[in-house]
Structures are given as structure tokens and as C-alpha cells.
Amino acid sequence: MSNKYLVIHMTDPTGGTMPQGEDQRLLEDWADEGSAAGSLGEGAPVAGADQAKSVAVRDGKVLVTDGPFPEFKEWFAGYDIVTAESIDEAASFMAKHPTAVMGRVYILPVVKLPWDED
């Protein structure tokens, strides 16, 4: 049975560097493999911290804060939805993504809420 996973791409100061051409080649190979296997769903890169907002409601008041957020050592750089038989299979697939070299990826199982129908 296939499961869906949310993959979060993070920048990471401990990651390596890669020439743009190599980055693009790895990304294209990864996307081709995922498309051919039917395991790659929606995904996208996102803008940097300078274009971000944080929203919270406290004591009935909406608090909107501009980025960047200096307390972060990593930055959310994008996401993908991946379908795989297991989280280990998803991790093996994501190890081929340039972000795994230059940053870090987090893989989280997508779960249903208690009120979602089967």
C-alpha cells in the first residue's frame, strides 16, 4: 500500500555547495525518476525569508510579523509530496535530491484527521 509523504526542503549551514549546472542536472534526474515511477506529486520552491509573514492569534488579536526570522538557522526552501511504499523508500528517493547535499530534507507521513472519511 502506497503512502503519501510531505517532504520539506531546508537550507542548512552544514550543507555543501554545488555548481548550478550540477544542481540542475541532479534535480532534473530526480524529477524524471519520480515522474516515471509515479511517486512525485505536487511541489514547489518558496521565496526567501524577506518575503515571509508569520501569523498568530493571541488573546483574540491577530499578530502578523514580517520576516526574516534571525532565530532560524535553517530556512524552509520548498516542499514536495511523494508517494512511496514506506518512509525508508521515500528517504532513499529524496537522497538523490540536491537539497540533501546542500541542505536537509524532512520527510513526514501525511495522515488523515479523525473526521476525514476513508
PDB file of N, CA and C in Angstrom:
ATOM      1  N   MET A   1       0.845  -1.181   0.000  1.00  0.00           N
ATOM      2  CA  MET A   1       0.000   0.000   0.000  1.00  0.00           C
ATOM      3  C   MET A   1       0.887   1.241   0.000  1.00  0.00           C
ATOM      4  N   SER A   2       0.634   2.146  -0.907  1.00  0.00           N
ATOM      5  CA  SER A   2       1.406   3.385  -1.011  1.00  0.00           C
ATOM      6  C   SER A   2       0.936   4.407   0.006  1.00  0.00           C
ATOM      7  N   ASN A   3       1.877   5.178   0.492  1.00  0.00           N
ATOM      8  CA  ASN A   3       1.595   6.245   1.436  1.00  0.00           C
ATOM      9  C   ASN A   3       2.114   7.561   0.864  1.00  0.00           C
ATOM     10  N   LYS A   4       1.520   8.650   1.319  1.00  0.00           N
ATOM     11  CA  LYS A   4       1.977   9.972   0.906  1.00  0.00           C
ATOM     12  C   LYS A   4       2.832  10.567   2.015  1.00  0.00           C
ATOM     13  N   TYR A   5       3.866  11.302   1.566  1.00  0.00           N
ATOM     14  CA  TYR A   5       4.785  11.948   2.498  1.00  0.00           C
ATOM     15  C   TYR A   5       4.980  13.395   2.077  1.00  0.00           C
ATOM     16  N   LEU A   6       4.988  14.273   3.058  1.00  0.00           N
ATOM     17  CA  LEU A   6       5.342  15.667   2.834  1.00  0.00           C
ATOM     18  C   LEU A   6       6.843  15.771   3.029  1.00  0.00           C
ATOM     19  N   VAL A   7       7.526  16.283   2.026  1.00  0.00           N
ATOM     20  CA  VAL A   7       8.967  16.464   2.102  1.00  0.00           C
ATOM     21  C   VAL A   7       9.231  17.965   2.183  1.00  0.00           C
ATOM     22  N   ILE A   8       9.909  18.384   3.224  1.00  0.00           N
ATOM     23  CA  ILE A   8      10.231  19.789   3.438  1.00  0.00           C
ATOM     24  C   ILE A   8      11.714  19.984   3.152  1.00  0.00           C
ATOM     25  N   HIS A   9      12.012  20.896   2.247  1.00  0.00           N
ATOM     26  CA  HIS A   9      13.399  21.211   1.887  1.00  0.00           C
ATOM     27  C   HIS A   9      13.871  22.361   2.762  1.00  0.00           C
ATOM     28  N   MET A  10      15.007  22.171   3.414  1.00  0.00           N
ATOM     29  CA  MET A  10      15.536  23.188   4.316  1.00  0.00           C
ATOM     30  C   MET A  10      16.953  23.563   3.901  1.00  0.00           C
ATOM     31  N   THR A  11      17.255  24.855   3.985  1.00  0.00           N
ATOM     32  CA  THR A  11      18.653  25.249   3.870  1.00  0.00           C
ATOM     33  C   THR A  11      19.329  24.809   5.163  1.00  0.00           C
ATOM     34  N   ASP A  12      20.627  24.637   5.122  1.00  0.00           N
ATOM     35  CA  ASP A  12      21.336  24.142   6.289  1.00  0.00           C
ATOM     36  C   ASP A  12      22.790  24.604   6.183  1.00  0.00           C
ATOM     37  N   PRO A  13      23.271  25.359   7.161  1.00  0.00           N
ATOM     38  CA  PRO A  13      24.633  25.877   7.061  1.00  0.00           C
ATOM     39  C   PRO A  13      25.697  24.780   7.035  1.00  0.00           C
ATOM     40  N   THR A  14      25.366  23.546   7.395  1.00  0.00           N
ATOM     41  CA  THR A  14      26.345  22.460   7.352  1.00  0.00           C
ATOM     42  C   THR A  14      26.357  21.765   5.991  1.00  0.00           C
ATOM     43  N   GLY A  15      25.441  22.150   5.097  1.00  0.00           N
ATOM     44  CA  GLY A  15      25.382  21.535   3.776  1.00  0.00           C
ATOM     45  C   GLY A  15      26.525  21.973   2.886  1.00  0.00           C
ATOM     46  N   GLY A  16      26.712  21.209   1.817  1.00  0.00           N
ATOM     47  CA  GLY A  16      27.776  21.522   0.871  1.00  0.00           C
ATOM     48  C   GLY A  16      27.317  22.506  -0.189  1.00  0.00           C
ATOM     49  N   THR A  17      28.211  22.792  -1.106  1.00  0.00           N
ATOM     50  CA  THR A  17      27.882  23.646  -2.236  1.00  0.00           C
ATOM     51  C   THR A  17      27.923  22.796  -3.497  1.00  0.00           C
ATOM     52  N   MET A  18      27.297  23.319  -4.540  1.00  0.00           N
ATOM     53  CA  MET A  18      27.221  22.596  -5.791  1.00  0.00           C
ATOM     54  C   MET A  18      27.091  23.610  -6.915  1.00  0.00           C
ATOM     55  N   PRO A  19      27.842  23.441  -7.995  1.00  0.00           N
ATOM     56  CA  PRO A  19      27.668  24.351  -9.130  1.00  0.00           C
ATOM     57  C   PRO A  19      26.231  24.272  -9.655  1.00  0.00           C
ATOM     58  N   GLN A  20      25.727  25.401 -10.162  1.00  0.00           N
ATOM     59  CA  GLN A  20      24.339  25.470 -10.616  1.00  0.00           C
ATOM     60  C   GLN A  20      24.024  24.388 -11.648  1.00  0.00           C
ATOM     61  N   GLY A  21      24.929  24.140 -12.579  1.00  0.00           N
ATOM     62  CA  GLY A  21      24.681  23.123 -13.599  1.00  0.00           C
ATOM     63  C   GLY A  21      24.497  21.740 -13.014  1.00  0.00           C
ATOM     64  N   GLU A  22      25.310  21.407 -12.012  1.00  0.00           N
ATOM     65  CA  GLU A  22      25.197  20.105 -11.347  1.00  0.00           C
ATOM     66  C   GLU A  22      23.903  20.030 -10.546  1.00  0.00           C
ATOM     67  N   ASP A  23      23.569  21.107  -9.859  1.00  0.00           N
ATOM     68  CA  ASP A  23      22.308  21.204  -9.113  1.00  0.00           C
ATOM     69  C   ASP A  23      21.132  20.944 -10.059  1.00  0.00           C
ATOM     70  N   GLN A  24      21.121  21.623 -11.181  1.00  0.00           N
ATOM     71  CA  GLN A  24      20.025  21.488 -12.141  1.00  0.00           C
ATOM     72  C   GLN A  24      19.973  20.072 -12.722  1.00  0.00           C
ATOM     73  N   ARG A  25      21.121  19.481 -13.043  1.00  0.00           N
ATOM     74  CA  ARG A  25      21.153  18.129 -13.599  1.00  0.00           C
ATOM     75  C   ARG A  25      20.612  17.113 -12.595  1.00  0.00           C
ATOM     76  N   LEU A  26      21.067  17.201 -11.337  1.00  0.00           N
ATOM     77  CA  LEU A  26      20.566  16.287 -10.302  1.00  0.00           C
ATOM     78  C   LEU A  26      19.063  16.443 -10.106  1.00  0.00           C
ATOM     79  N   LEU A  27      18.605  17.693 -10.071  1.00  0.00           N
ATOM     80  CA  LEU A  27      17.178  17.948  -9.880  1.00  0.00           C
ATOM     81  C   LEU A  27      16.357  17.379 -11.032  1.00  0.00           C
ATOM     82  N   GLU A  28      16.815  17.567 -12.252  1.00  0.00           N
ATOM     83  CA  GLU A  28      16.089  17.029 -13.410  1.00  0.00           C
ATOM     84  C   GLU A  28      16.077  15.505 -13.398  1.00  0.00           C
ATOM     85  N   ASP A  29      17.210  14.870 -13.078  1.00  0.00           N
ATOM     86  CA  ASP A  29      17.261  13.403 -12.985  1.00  0.00           C
ATOM     87  C   ASP A  29      16.303  12.902 -11.916  1.00  0.00           C
ATOM     88  N   TRP A  30      16.297  13.570 -10.764  1.00  0.00           N
ATOM     89  CA  TRP A  30      15.426  13.202  -9.661  1.00  0.00           C
ATOM     90  C   TRP A  30      13.961  13.317 -10.069  1.00  0.00           C
ATOM     91  N   ALA A  31      13.601  14.430 -10.721  1.00  0.00           N
ATOM     92  CA  ALA A  31      12.213  14.642 -11.149  1.00  0.00           C
ATOM     93  C   ALA A  31      11.809  13.626 -12.213  1.00  0.00           C
ATOM     94  N   ASP A  32      12.714  13.313 -13.137  1.00  0.00           N
ATOM     95  CA  ASP A  32      12.410  12.305 -14.161  1.00  0.00           C
ATOM     96  C   ASP A  32      12.148  10.950 -13.519  1.00  0.00           C
ATOM     97  N   GLU A  33      12.984  10.558 -12.568  1.00  0.00           N
ATOM     98  CA  GLU A  33      12.799   9.278 -11.882  1.00  0.00           C
ATOM     99  C   GLU A  33      11.466   9.251 -11.128  1.00  0.00           C
ATOM    100  N   GLY A  34      11.169  10.333 -10.421  1.00  0.00           N
ATOM    101  CA  GLY A  34       9.924  10.399  -9.661  1.00  0.00           C
ATOM    102  C   GLY A  34       8.699  10.397 -10.536  1.00  0.00           C
ATOM    103  N   SER A  35       8.762  11.082 -11.664  1.00  0.00           N
ATOM    104  CA  SER A  35       7.625  11.116 -12.595  1.00  0.00           C
ATOM    105  C   SER A  35       7.414   9.749 -13.222  1.00  0.00           C
ATOM    106  N   ALA A  36       8.501   9.088 -13.627  1.00  0.00           N
ATOM    107  CA  ALA A  36       8.407   7.772 -14.257  1.00  0.00           C
ATOM    108  C   ALA A  36       7.830   6.735 -13.289  1.00  0.00           C
ATOM    109  N   ALA A  37       8.183   6.838 -12.020  1.00  0.00           N
ATOM    110  CA  ALA A  37       7.703   5.886 -11.016  1.00  0.00           C
ATOM    111  C   ALA A  37       6.320   6.253 -10.490  1.00  0.00           C
ATOM    112  N   GLY A  38       5.828   7.432 -10.829  1.00  0.00           N
ATOM    113  CA  GLY A  38       4.528   7.872 -10.317  1.00  0.00           C
ATOM    114  C   GLY A  38       4.569   8.257  -8.855  1.00  0.00           C
ATOM    115  N   SER A  39       5.775   8.508  -8.331  1.00  0.00           N
ATOM    116  CA  SER A  39       5.892   8.799  -6.905  1.00  0.00           C
ATOM    117  C   SER A  39       5.969  10.287  -6.585  1.00  0.00           C
ATOM    118  N   LEU A  40       6.109  11.102  -7.610  1.00  0.00           N
ATOM    119  CA  LEU A  40       6.289  12.531  -7.373  1.00  0.00           C
ATOM    120  C   LEU A  40       4.993  13.281  -7.615  1.00  0.00           C
ATOM    121  N   GLY A  41       4.513  13.946  -6.577  1.00  0.00           N
ATOM    122  CA  GLY A  41       3.300  14.746  -6.675  1.00  0.00           C
ATOM    123  C   GLY A  41       3.635  16.217  -6.758  1.00  0.00           C
ATOM    124  N   GLU A  42       2.752  17.030  -6.244  1.00  0.00           N
ATOM    125  CA  GLU A  42       2.922  18.479  -6.292  1.00  0.00           C
ATOM    126  C   GLU A  42       4.093  18.909  -5.421  1.00  0.00           C
ATOM    127  N   GLY A  43       4.709  19.997  -5.811  1.00  0.00           N
ATOM    128  CA  GLY A  43       5.792  20.560  -5.037  1.00  0.00           C
ATOM    129  C   GLY A  43       6.201  21.888  -5.631  1.00  0.00           C
ATOM    130  N   ALA A  44       6.986  22.656  -4.883  1.00  0.00           N
ATOM    131  CA  ALA A  44       7.429  23.951  -5.379  1.00  0.00           C
ATOM    132  C   ALA A  44       8.486  24.523  -4.459  1.00  0.00           C
ATOM    133  N   PRO A  45       9.394  25.339  -5.018  1.00  0.00           N
ATOM    134  CA  PRO A  45      10.277  26.128  -4.165  1.00  0.00           C
ATOM    135  C   PRO A  45       9.484  27.305  -3.606  1.00  0.00           C
ATOM    136  N   VAL A  46       9.984  27.918  -2.563  1.00  0.00           N
ATOM    137  CA  VAL A  46       9.302  29.080  -1.987  1.00  0.00           C
ATOM    138  C   VAL A  46      10.268  30.254  -1.893  1.00  0.00           C
ATOM    139  N   ALA A  47       9.711  31.445  -1.743  1.00  0.00           N
ATOM    140  CA  ALA A  47      10.503  32.672  -1.633  1.00  0.00           C
ATOM    141  C   ALA A  47      11.283  32.686  -0.324  1.00  0.00           C
ATOM    142  N   GLY A  48      12.218  33.590  -0.230  1.00  0.00           N
ATOM    143  CA  GLY A  48      13.054  33.705   0.956  1.00  0.00           C
ATOM    144  C   GLY A  48      12.368  34.385   2.124  1.00  0.00           C
ATOM    145  N   ALA A  49      13.086  34.423   3.226  1.00  0.00           N
ATOM    146  CA  ALA A  49      12.551  34.972   4.476  1.00  0.00           C
ATOM    147  C   ALA A  49      12.131  36.422   4.349  1.00  0.00           C
ATOM    148  N   ASP A  50      12.766  37.175   3.438  1.00  0.00           N
ATOM    149  CA  ASP A  50      12.431  38.589   3.299  1.00  0.00           C
ATOM    150  C   ASP A  50      11.028  38.816   2.748  1.00  0.00           C
ATOM    151  N   GLN A  51      10.399  37.762   2.219  1.00  0.00           N
ATOM    152  CA  GLN A  51       9.040  37.883   1.690  1.00  0.00           C
ATOM    153  C   GLN A  51       8.029  37.122   2.546  1.00  0.00           C
ATOM    154  N   ALA A  52       8.434  36.640   3.703  1.00  0.00           N
ATOM    155  CA  ALA A  52       7.589  35.786   4.531  1.00  0.00           C
ATOM    156  C   ALA A  52       6.834  36.576   5.592  1.00  0.00           C
ATOM    157  N   LYS A  53       5.775  35.979   6.078  1.00  0.00           N
ATOM    158  CA  LYS A  53       4.987  36.510   7.193  1.00  0.00           C
ATOM    159  C   LYS A  53       4.745  35.385   8.189  1.00  0.00           C
ATOM    160  N   SER A  54       4.631  35.752   9.425  1.00  0.00           N
ATOM    161  CA  SER A  54       4.248  34.838  10.487  1.00  0.00           C
ATOM    162  C   SER A  54       2.908  35.331  11.029  1.00  0.00           C
ATOM    163  N   VAL A  55       1.951  34.420  11.189  1.00  0.00           N
ATOM    164  CA  VAL A  55       0.619  34.785  11.672  1.00  0.00           C
ATOM    165  C   VAL A  55       0.301  33.976  12.922  1.00  0.00           C
ATOM    166  N   ALA A  56      -0.161  34.658  13.951  1.00  0.00           N
ATOM    167  CA  ALA A  56      -0.586  34.012  15.186  1.00  0.00           C
ATOM    168  C   ALA A  56      -1.767  34.800  15.747  1.00  0.00           C
ATOM    169  N   VAL A  57      -2.633  34.107  16.468  1.00  0.00           N
ATOM    170  CA  VAL A  57      -3.740  34.770  17.164  1.00  0.00           C
ATOM    171  C   VAL A  57      -3.527  34.538  18.653  1.00  0.00           C
ATOM    172  N   ARG A  58      -3.409  35.623  19.395  1.00  0.00           N
ATOM    173  CA  ARG A  58      -3.188  35.568  20.839  1.00  0.00           C
ATOM    174  C   ARG A  58      -4.185  36.486  21.520  1.00  0.00           C
ATOM    175  N   ASP A  59      -4.924  35.923  22.470  1.00  0.00           N
ATOM    176  CA  ASP A  59      -5.945  36.679  23.200  1.00  0.00           C
ATOM    177  C   ASP A  59      -6.899  37.378  22.247  1.00  0.00           C
ATOM    178  N   GLY A  60      -7.257  36.696  21.151  1.00  0.00           N
ATOM    179  CA  GLY A  60      -8.206  37.243  20.181  1.00  0.00           C
ATOM    180  C   GLY A  60      -7.622  38.264  19.231  1.00  0.00           C
ATOM    181  N   LYS A  61      -6.342  38.564  19.345  1.00  0.00           N
ATOM    182  CA  LYS A  61      -5.709  39.545  18.464  1.00  0.00           C
ATOM    183  C   LYS A  61      -4.833  38.834  17.441  1.00  0.00           C
ATOM    184  N   VAL A  62      -4.945  39.278  16.184  1.00  0.00           N
ATOM    185  CA  VAL A  62      -4.131  38.724  15.118  1.00  0.00           C
ATOM    186  C   VAL A  62      -2.788  39.444  15.097  1.00  0.00           C
ATOM    187  N   LEU A  63      -1.717  38.668  15.180  1.00  0.00           N
ATOM    188  CA  LEU A  63      -0.363  39.213  15.148  1.00  0.00           C
ATOM    189  C   LEU A  63       0.299  38.765  13.850  1.00  0.00           C
ATOM    190  N   VAL A  64       0.660  39.706  13.015  1.00  0.00           N
ATOM    191  CA  VAL A  64       1.345  39.411  11.765  1.00  0.00           C
ATOM    192  C   VAL A  64       2.738  40.032  11.855  1.00  0.00           C
ATOM    193  N   THR A  65       3.748  39.209  11.657  1.00  0.00           N
ATOM    194  CA  THR A  65       5.134  39.640  11.761  1.00  0.00           C
ATOM    195  C   THR A  65       5.831  39.421  10.437  1.00  0.00           C
ATOM    196  N   ASP A  66       6.625  40.389  10.012  1.00  0.00           N
ATOM    197  CA  ASP A  66       7.434  40.232   8.799  1.00  0.00           C
ATOM    198  C   ASP A  66       8.662  39.392   9.096  1.00  0.00           C
ATOM    199  N   GLY A  67       9.163  38.719   8.041  1.00  0.00           N
ATOM    200  CA  GLY A  67      10.467  38.053   8.118  1.00  0.00           C
ATOM    201  C   GLY A  67      11.529  39.092   7.826  1.00  0.00           C
ATOM    202  N   PRO A  68      12.797  38.779   7.833  1.00  0.00           N
ATOM    203  CA  PRO A  68      13.319  37.442   8.117  1.00  0.00           C
ATOM    204  C   PRO A  68      13.310  37.123   9.604  1.00  0.00           C
ATOM    205  N   PHE A  69      13.549  35.893   9.904  1.00  0.00           N
ATOM    206  CA  PHE A  69      13.480  35.411  11.269  1.00  0.00           C
ATOM    207  C   PHE A  69      14.876  34.994  11.710  1.00  0.00           C
ATOM    208  N   PRO A  70      15.620  35.870  12.366  1.00  0.00           N
ATOM    209  CA  PRO A  70      17.031  35.604  12.671  1.00  0.00           C
ATOM    210  C   PRO A  70      17.253  34.419  13.597  1.00  0.00           C
ATOM    211  N   GLU A  71      16.216  33.977  14.300  1.00  0.00           N
ATOM    212  CA  GLU A  71      16.410  32.848  15.210  1.00  0.00           C
ATOM    213  C   GLU A  71      16.507  31.517  14.462  1.00  0.00           C
ATOM    214  N   PHE A  72      16.141  31.486  13.180  1.00  0.00           N
ATOM    215  CA  PHE A  72      16.248  30.265  12.388  1.00  0.00           C
ATOM    216  C   PHE A  72      17.676  30.070  11.902  1.00  0.00           C
ATOM    217  N   LYS A  73      18.187  28.871  12.044  1.00  0.00           N
ATOM    218  CA  LYS A  73      19.465  28.523  11.440  1.00  0.00           C
ATOM    219  C   LYS A  73      19.233  27.903  10.073  1.00  0.00           C
ATOM    220  N   GLU A  74      18.038  27.353   9.872  1.00  0.00           N
ATOM    221  CA  GLU A  74      17.652  26.765   8.596  1.00  0.00           C
ATOM    222  C   GLU A  74      16.487  27.584   8.051  1.00  0.00           C
ATOM    223  N   TRP A  75      16.262  27.490   6.757  1.00  0.00           N
ATOM    224  CA  TRP A  75      15.130  28.167   6.153  1.00  0.00           C
ATOM    225  C   TRP A  75      14.369  27.198   5.281  1.00  0.00           C
ATOM    226  N   PHE A  76      13.052  27.208   5.382  1.00  0.00           N
ATOM    227  CA  PHE A  76      12.166  26.388   4.562  1.00  0.00           C
ATOM    228  C   PHE A  76      12.299  26.864   3.118  1.00  0.00           C
ATOM    229  N   ALA A  77      12.803  26.009   2.250  1.00  0.00           N
ATOM    230  CA  ALA A  77      13.093  26.407   0.872  1.00  0.00           C
ATOM    231  C   ALA A  77      12.091  25.862  -0.143  1.00  0.00           C
ATOM    232  N   GLY A  78      11.285  24.894   0.237  1.00  0.00           N
ATOM    233  CA  GLY A  78      10.310  24.325  -0.689  1.00  0.00           C
ATOM    234  C   GLY A  78       9.748  23.031  -0.144  1.00  0.00           C
ATOM    235  N   TYR A  79       8.893  22.401  -0.941  1.00  0.00           N
ATOM    236  CA  TYR A  79       8.248  21.169  -0.488  1.00  0.00           C
ATOM    237  C   TYR A  79       7.928  20.280  -1.683  1.00  0.00           C
ATOM    238  N   ASP A  80       7.695  19.019  -1.405  1.00  0.00           N
ATOM    239  CA  ASP A  80       7.192  18.062  -2.380  1.00  0.00           C
ATOM    240  C   ASP A  80       6.241  17.122  -1.670  1.00  0.00           C
ATOM    241  N   ILE A  81       5.330  16.552  -2.436  1.00  0.00           N
ATOM    242  CA  ILE A  81       4.508  15.443  -1.972  1.00  0.00           C
ATOM    243  C   ILE A  81       5.021  14.213  -2.712  1.00  0.00           C
ATOM    244  N   VAL A  82       5.411  13.197  -1.961  1.00  0.00           N
ATOM    245  CA  VAL A  82       5.986  11.988  -2.538  1.00  0.00           C
ATOM    246  C   VAL A  82       5.127  10.795  -2.124  1.00  0.00           C
ATOM    247  N   THR A  83       4.900   9.879  -3.060  1.00  0.00           N
ATOM    248  CA  THR A  83       4.200   8.639  -2.770  1.00  0.00           C
ATOM    249  C   THR A  83       5.216   7.509  -2.772  1.00  0.00           C
ATOM    250  N   ALA A  84       5.214   6.720  -1.705  1.00  0.00           N
ATOM    251  CA  ALA A  84       6.164   5.610  -1.588  1.00  0.00           C
ATOM    252  C   ALA A  84       5.528   4.508  -0.745  1.00  0.00           C
ATOM    253  N   GLU A  85       6.126   3.322  -0.819  1.00  0.00           N
ATOM    254  CA  GLU A  85       5.639   2.190  -0.030  1.00  0.00           C
ATOM    255  C   GLU A  85       5.971   2.348   1.452  1.00  0.00           C
ATOM    256  N   SER A  86       7.064   3.072   1.746  1.00  0.00           N
ATOM    257  CA  SER A  86       7.483   3.260   3.138  1.00  0.00           C
ATOM    258  C   SER A  86       8.253   4.574   3.250  1.00  0.00           C
ATOM    259  N   ILE A  87       8.435   5.021   4.480  1.00  0.00           N
ATOM    260  CA  ILE A  87       9.219   6.236   4.691  1.00  0.00           C
ATOM    261  C   ILE A  87      10.677   5.998   4.301  1.00  0.00           C
ATOM    262  N   ASP A  88      11.154   4.765   4.449  1.00  0.00           N
ATOM    263  CA  ASP A  88      12.519   4.446   4.031  1.00  0.00           C
ATOM    264  C   ASP A  88      12.673   4.546   2.522  1.00  0.00           C
ATOM    265  N   GLU A  89      11.663   4.130   1.782  1.00  0.00           N
ATOM    266  CA  GLU A  89      11.691   4.269   0.325  1.00  0.00           C
ATOM    267  C   GLU A  89      11.666   5.741  -0.063  1.00  0.00           C
ATOM    268  N   ALA A  90      10.855   6.529   0.625  1.00  0.00           N
ATOM    269  CA  ALA A  90      10.810   7.975   0.371  1.00  0.00           C
ATOM    270  C   ALA A  90      12.169   8.607   0.672  1.00  0.00           C
ATOM    271  N   ALA A  91      12.813   8.180   1.752  1.00  0.00           N
ATOM    272  CA  ALA A  91      14.125   8.717   2.118  1.00  0.00           C
ATOM    273  C   ALA A  91      15.170   8.359   1.068  1.00  0.00           C
ATOM    274  N   SER A  92      15.116   7.149   0.549  1.00  0.00           N
ATOM    275  CA  SER A  92      16.054   6.732  -0.489  1.00  0.00           C
ATOM    276  C   SER A  92      15.886   7.583  -1.745  1.00  0.00           C
ATOM    277  N   PHE A  93      14.642   7.857  -2.109  1.00  0.00           N
ATOM    278  CA  PHE A  93      14.354   8.709  -3.263  1.00  0.00           C
ATOM    279  C   PHE A  93      14.843  10.133  -3.010  1.00  0.00           C
ATOM    280  N   MET A  94      14.598  10.676  -1.826  1.00  0.00           N
ATOM    281  CA  MET A  94      14.975  12.052  -1.517  1.00  0.00           C
ATOM    282  C   MET A  94      16.488  12.221  -1.367  1.00  0.00           C
ATOM    283  N   ALA A  95      17.222  11.151  -1.099  1.00  0.00           N
ATOM    284  CA  ALA A  95      18.686  11.235  -1.008  1.00  0.00           C
ATOM    285  C   ALA A  95      19.306  11.628  -2.341  1.00  0.00           C
ATOM    286  N   LYS A  96      18.549  11.507  -3.424  1.00  0.00           N
ATOM    287  CA  LYS A  96      19.034  11.870  -4.762  1.00  0.00           C
ATOM    288  C   LYS A  96      18.757  13.333  -5.100  1.00  0.00           C
ATOM    289  N   HIS A  97      18.088  14.052  -4.226  1.00  0.00           N
ATOM    290  CA  HIS A  97      17.725  15.460  -4.457  1.00  0.00           C
ATOM    291  C   HIS A  97      18.884  16.357  -4.041  1.00  0.00           C
ATOM    292  N   PRO A  98      19.160  17.427  -4.807  1.00  0.00           N
ATOM    293  CA  PRO A  98      20.268  18.326  -4.439  1.00  0.00           C
ATOM    294  C   PRO A  98      20.162  18.913  -3.031  1.00  0.00           C
ATOM    295  N   THR A  99      18.963  19.104  -2.527  1.00  0.00           N
ATOM    296  CA  THR A  99      18.821  19.663  -1.180  1.00  0.00           C
ATOM    297  C   THR A  99      19.425  18.742  -0.129  1.00  0.00           C
ATOM    298  N   ALA A 100      19.439  17.433  -0.391  1.00  0.00           N
ATOM    299  CA  ALA A 100      20.044  16.503   0.560  1.00  0.00           C
ATOM    300  C   ALA A 100      21.549  16.747   0.687  1.00  0.00           C
ATOM    301  N   VAL A 101      22.160  17.274  -0.372  1.00  0.00           N
ATOM    302  CA  VAL A 101      23.593  17.586  -0.365  1.00  0.00           C
ATOM    303  C   VAL A 101      23.834  18.988   0.190  1.00  0.00           C
ATOM    304  N   MET A 102      23.036  19.946  -0.262  1.00  0.00           N
ATOM    305  CA  MET A 102      23.278  21.349   0.083  1.00  0.00           C
ATOM    306  C   MET A 102      22.531  21.792   1.335  1.00  0.00           C
ATOM    307  N   GLY A 103      21.590  20.987   1.798  1.00  0.00           N
ATOM    308  CA  GLY A 103      20.808  21.356   2.963  1.00  0.00           C
ATOM    309  C   GLY A 103      20.344  20.114   3.695  1.00  0.00           C
ATOM    310  N   ARG A 104      19.053  20.000   3.849  1.00  0.00           N
ATOM    311  CA  ARG A 104      18.471  18.877   4.581  1.00  0.00           C
ATOM    312  C   ARG A 104      17.027  18.731   4.119  1.00  0.00           C
ATOM    313  N   VAL A 105      16.515  17.508   4.108  1.00  0.00           N
ATOM    314  CA  VAL A 105      15.098  17.307   3.823  1.00  0.00           C
ATOM    315  C   VAL A 105      14.462  16.588   5.007  1.00  0.00           C
ATOM    316  N   TYR A 106      13.271  16.995   5.332  1.00  0.00           N
ATOM    317  CA  TYR A 106      12.485  16.329   6.369  1.00  0.00           C
ATOM    318  C   TYR A 106      11.343  15.615   5.667  1.00  0.00           C
ATOM    319  N   ILE A 107      11.075  14.390   6.071  1.00  0.00           N
ATOM    320  CA  ILE A 107      10.029  13.576   5.456  1.00  0.00           C
ATOM    321  C   ILE A 107       9.013  13.247   6.539  1.00  0.00           C
ATOM    322  N   LEU A 108       7.760  13.657   6.293  1.00  0.00           N
ATOM    323  CA  LEU A 108       6.706  13.440   7.280  1.00  0.00           C
ATOM    324  C   LEU A 108       5.544  12.689   6.633  1.00  0.00           C
ATOM    325  N   PRO A 109       5.061  11.609   7.254  1.00  0.00           N
ATOM    326  CA  PRO A 109       3.889  10.929   6.714  1.00  0.00           C
ATOM    327  C   PRO A 109       2.671  11.849   6.748  1.00  0.00           C
ATOM    328  N   VAL A 110       1.908  11.825   5.678  1.00  0.00           N
ATOM    329  CA  VAL A 110       0.642  12.556   5.637  1.00  0.00           C
ATOM    330  C   VAL A 110      -0.397  11.663   6.298  1.00  0.00           C
ATOM    331  N   VAL A 111      -1.131  12.188   7.252  1.00  0.00           N
ATOM    332  CA  VAL A 111      -2.128  11.405   7.978  1.00  0.00           C
ATOM    333  C   VAL A 111      -3.512  12.029   7.794  1.00  0.00           C
ATOM    334  N   LYS A 112      -4.517  11.224   8.016  1.00  0.00           N
ATOM    335  CA  LYS A 112      -5.887  11.727   7.947  1.00  0.00           C
ATOM    336  C   LYS A 112      -6.305  12.272   9.308  1.00  0.00           C
ATOM    337  N   LEU A 113      -7.122  13.285   9.268  1.00  0.00           N
ATOM    338  CA  LEU A 113      -7.699  13.811  10.510  1.00  0.00           C
ATOM    339  C   LEU A 113      -8.832  12.884  10.945  1.00  0.00           C
ATOM    340  N   PRO A 114      -9.160  12.859  12.221  1.00  0.00           N
ATOM    341  CA  PRO A 114     -10.177  11.928  12.712  1.00  0.00           C
ATOM    342  C   PRO A 114     -11.521  12.061  11.993  1.00  0.00           C
ATOM    343  N   TRP A 115     -11.835  13.237  11.501  1.00  0.00           N
ATOM    344  CA  TRP A 115     -13.128  13.427  10.852  1.00  0.00           C
ATOM    345  C   TRP A 115     -13.097  13.210   9.331  1.00  0.00           C
ATOM    346  N   ASP A 116     -11.915  12.913   8.785  1.00  0.00           N
ATOM    347  CA  ASP A 116     -11.825  12.637   7.348  1.00  0.00           C
ATOM    348  C   ASP A 116     -12.444  11.273   7.055  1.00  0.00           C
ATOM    349  N   GLU A 117     -13.147  11.209   5.950  1.00  0.00           N
ATOM    350  CA  GLU A 117     -13.740   9.948   5.515  1.00  0.00           C
ATOM    351  C   GLU A 117     -12.709   9.134   4.758  1.00  0.00           C
ATOM    352  N   ASP A 118     -12.856   7.811   4.788  1.00  0.00           N
ATOM    353  CA  ASP A 118     -11.953   6.940   4.015  1.00  0.00           C
ATOM    354  C   ASP A 118     -12.227   7.025   2.540  1.00  0.00           C
TER     355      ASP A 118
END
